[in-house]
Amino acid sequence: MAVPRSLTALVGAAALSLALAGCSDPPVGTITATDGVTTVKLTSPFNGTCHSFTAQGVTAVRNNILADIVLHHGPDCADPQGAETFYLATGTSVEDASERWLSFSIVS
């Protein structure tokens, strides 16, 4: 039995879409964070994972990657009870000596 061309094209397009989604590149650029003493630079961090800053946390973050990020007060992109995350758009920065961020995730 012959398979219709439209079904073959549909299945091929779906397979190609799935393959391309699995091969996405990491966001290009650098995230720079500091606690006033130590500076951390992360270049082209991978999407879909949690990234840690330093054990004591950072008080200033500059997002120079081509994606937005979310800053977290706890390790492993978890937040303590009552702590709020902070959304940081691409090309922007935040500095607050009263805040300490321990990790970040990339918004996809």
C-alpha atoms as a PDB file:
ATOM      1  CA  MET A   1       0.000   0.000   0.000  1.00  0.00           C
ATOM      2  CA  ALA A   2       1.356   3.393  -0.960  1.00  0.00           C
ATOM      3  CA  VAL A   3       1.626   6.150   1.620  1.00  0.00           C
ATOM      4  CA  PRO A   4       0.158   9.487   0.491  1.00  0.00           C
ATOM      5  CA  ARG A   5       2.715  12.228  -0.174  1.00  0.00           C
ATOM      6  CA  SER A   6       0.998  14.670   2.195  1.00  0.00           C
ATOM      7  CA  LEU A   7       1.313  12.200   5.096  1.00  0.00           C
ATOM      8  CA  THR A   8       4.979  11.581   4.267  1.00  0.00           C
ATOM      9  CA  ALA A   9       5.643  15.326   4.162  1.00  0.00           C
ATOM     10  CA  LEU A  10       3.834  15.851   7.469  1.00  0.00           C
ATOM     11  CA  VAL A  11       5.786  13.097   9.223  1.00  0.00           C
ATOM     12  CA  GLY A  12       9.062  14.412   7.778  1.00  0.00           C
ATOM     13  CA  ALA A  13       8.337  17.983   8.914  1.00  0.00           C
ATOM     14  CA  ALA A  14       7.455  16.785  12.419  1.00  0.00           C
ATOM     15  CA  ALA A  15      10.666  14.751  12.680  1.00  0.00           C
ATOM     16  CA  LEU A  16      12.750  17.703  11.484  1.00  0.00           C
ATOM     17  CA  SER A  17      11.087  20.038  14.005  1.00  0.00           C
ATOM     18  CA  LEU A  18      11.837  17.648  16.859  1.00  0.00           C
ATOM     19  CA  ALA A  19      15.437  17.241  15.763  1.00  0.00           C
ATOM     20  CA  LEU A  20      16.008  20.991  15.547  1.00  0.00           C
ATOM     21  CA  ALA A  21      14.409  21.618  18.951  1.00  0.00           C
ATOM     22  CA  GLY A  22      16.862  19.209  20.566  1.00  0.00           C
ATOM     23  CA  CYS A  23      19.857  20.947  19.012  1.00  0.00           C
ATOM     24  CA  SER A  24      19.263  24.486  20.211  1.00  0.00           C
ATOM     25  CA  ASP A  25      22.364  26.516  20.924  1.00  0.00           C
ATOM     26  CA  PRO A  26      23.050  28.078  24.317  1.00  0.00           C
ATOM     27  CA  PRO A  27      22.269  31.787  24.621  1.00  0.00           C
ATOM     28  CA  VAL A  28      25.256  33.785  23.386  1.00  0.00           C
ATOM     29  CA  GLY A  29      26.869  36.364  25.651  1.00  0.00           C
ATOM     30  CA  THR A  30      28.093  36.806  29.218  1.00  0.00           C
ATOM     31  CA  ILE A  31      26.456  37.110  32.612  1.00  0.00           C
ATOM     32  CA  THR A  32      28.575  39.041  35.096  1.00  0.00           C
ATOM     33  CA  ALA A  33      27.813  38.910  38.819  1.00  0.00           C
ATOM     34  CA  THR A  34      29.584  40.286  41.887  1.00  0.00           C
ATOM     35  CA  ASP A  35      29.265  40.415  45.647  1.00  0.00           C
ATOM     36  CA  GLY A  36      31.462  43.515  45.816  1.00  0.00           C
ATOM     37  CA  VAL A  37      34.635  41.461  46.257  1.00  0.00           C
ATOM     38  CA  THR A  38      34.413  38.478  43.909  1.00  0.00           C
ATOM     39  CA  THR A  39      33.287  38.713  40.292  1.00  0.00           C
ATOM     40  CA  VAL A  40      31.842  35.726  38.429  1.00  0.00           C
ATOM     41  CA  LYS A  41      31.561  35.652  34.619  1.00  0.00           C
ATOM     42  CA  LEU A  42      29.560  32.965  32.841  1.00  0.00           C
ATOM     43  CA  THR A  43      29.873  32.827  29.073  1.00  0.00           C
ATOM     44  CA  SER A  44      27.089  31.295  26.968  1.00  0.00           C
ATOM     45  CA  PRO A  45      25.418  29.346  29.794  1.00  0.00           C
ATOM     46  CA  PHE A  46      23.322  26.351  28.763  1.00  0.00           C
ATOM     47  CA  ASN A  47      19.576  26.705  28.600  1.00  0.00           C
ATOM     48  CA  GLY A  48      17.384  24.408  30.674  1.00  0.00           C
ATOM     49  CA  THR A  49      19.710  24.059  33.664  1.00  0.00           C
ATOM     50  CA  CYS A  50      20.179  25.921  36.913  1.00  0.00           C
ATOM     51  CA  HIS A  51      23.391  27.929  37.256  1.00  0.00           C
ATOM     52  CA  SER A  52      25.010  28.832  40.584  1.00  0.00           C
ATOM     53  CA  PHE A  53      26.847  32.027  41.421  1.00  0.00           C
ATOM     54  CA  THR A  54      29.032  31.852  44.559  1.00  0.00           C
ATOM     55  CA  ALA A  55      28.288  30.151  47.885  1.00  0.00           C
ATOM     56  CA  GLN A  56      27.790  33.526  49.624  1.00  0.00           C
ATOM     57  CA  GLY A  57      25.617  34.870  46.791  1.00  0.00           C
ATOM     58  CA  VAL A  58      25.914  37.994  44.667  1.00  0.00           C
ATOM     59  CA  THR A  59      24.391  41.459  45.006  1.00  0.00           C
ATOM     60  CA  ALA A  60      24.781  42.708  41.419  1.00  0.00           C
ATOM     61  CA  VAL A  61      24.086  40.950  38.106  1.00  0.00           C
ATOM     62  CA  ARG A  62      24.505  42.163  34.510  1.00  0.00           C
ATOM     63  CA  ASN A  63      22.688  40.114  31.854  1.00  0.00           C
ATOM     64  CA  ASN A  64      24.500  40.359  28.530  1.00  0.00           C
ATOM     65  CA  ILE A  65      23.212  37.119  27.001  1.00  0.00           C
ATOM     66  CA  LEU A  66      20.561  37.032  24.299  1.00  0.00           C
ATOM     67  CA  ALA A  67      17.919  35.681  26.691  1.00  0.00           C
ATOM     68  CA  ASP A  68      16.155  36.809  29.831  1.00  0.00           C
ATOM     69  CA  ILE A  69      17.024  35.206  33.169  1.00  0.00           C
ATOM     70  CA  VAL A  70      15.390  34.697  36.561  1.00  0.00           C
ATOM     71  CA  LEU A  71      17.480  35.255  39.706  1.00  0.00           C
ATOM     72  CA  HIS A  72      16.862  32.998  42.720  1.00  0.00           C
ATOM     73  CA  HIS A  73      17.676  33.521  46.408  1.00  0.00           C
ATOM     74  CA  GLY A  74      18.305  29.832  47.035  1.00  0.00           C
ATOM     75  CA  PRO A  75      20.663  27.283  45.517  1.00  0.00           C
ATOM     76  CA  ASP A  76      19.506  25.025  42.676  1.00  0.00           C
ATOM     77  CA  CYS A  77      17.011  27.674  41.515  1.00  0.00           C
ATOM     78  CA  ALA A  78      14.846  27.117  44.573  1.00  0.00           C
ATOM     79  CA  ASP A  79      13.774  29.970  46.804  1.00  0.00           C
ATOM     80  CA  PRO A  80      13.297  30.090  50.579  1.00  0.00           C
ATOM     81  CA  GLN A  81       9.748  30.524  51.884  1.00  0.00           C
ATOM     82  CA  GLY A  82       8.553  34.057  51.133  1.00  0.00           C
ATOM     83  CA  ALA A  83      11.510  34.975  48.897  1.00  0.00           C
ATOM     84  CA  GLU A  84      10.622  36.320  45.476  1.00  0.00           C
ATOM     85  CA  THR A  85      12.483  35.644  42.252  1.00  0.00           C
ATOM     86  CA  PHE A  86      13.765  38.550  40.160  1.00  0.00           C
ATOM     87  CA  TYR A  87      13.243  38.711  36.378  1.00  0.00           C
ATOM     88  CA  LEU A  88      16.215  40.256  34.560  1.00  0.00           C
ATOM     89  CA  ALA A  89      15.760  41.076  30.879  1.00  0.00           C
ATOM     90  CA  THR A  90      18.572  40.806  28.376  1.00  0.00           C
ATOM     91  CA  GLY A  91      20.878  43.836  28.290  1.00  0.00           C
ATOM     92  CA  THR A  92      19.914  44.999  31.782  1.00  0.00           C
ATOM     93  CA  SER A  93      21.425  44.837  35.257  1.00  0.00           C
ATOM     94  CA  VAL A  94      20.370  44.940  38.888  1.00  0.00           C
ATOM     95  CA  GLU A  95      22.283  45.932  42.010  1.00  0.00           C
ATOM     96  CA  ASP A  96      20.929  45.747  45.542  1.00  0.00           C
ATOM     97  CA  ALA A  97      23.191  45.341  48.575  1.00  0.00           C
ATOM     98  CA  SER A  98      20.249  44.034  50.633  1.00  0.00           C
ATOM     99  CA  GLU A  99      19.549  41.183  48.176  1.00  0.00           C
ATOM    100  CA  ARG A 100      21.661  38.041  47.661  1.00  0.00           C
ATOM    101  CA  TRP A 101      21.084  35.774  44.686  1.00  0.00           C
ATOM    102  CA  LEU A 102      22.610  32.303  44.723  1.00  0.00           C
ATOM    103  CA  SER A 103      21.490  30.974  41.338  1.00  0.00           C
ATOM    104  CA  PHE A 104      19.728  31.779  38.067  1.00  0.00           C
ATOM    105  CA  SER A 105      17.807  30.075  35.305  1.00  0.00           C
ATOM    106  CA  ILE A 106      17.343  31.093  31.677  1.00  0.00           C
ATOM    107  CA  VAL A 107      13.869  31.919  30.418  1.00  0.00           C
ATOM    108  CA  SER A 108      13.156  29.890  27.308  1.00  0.00           C
END
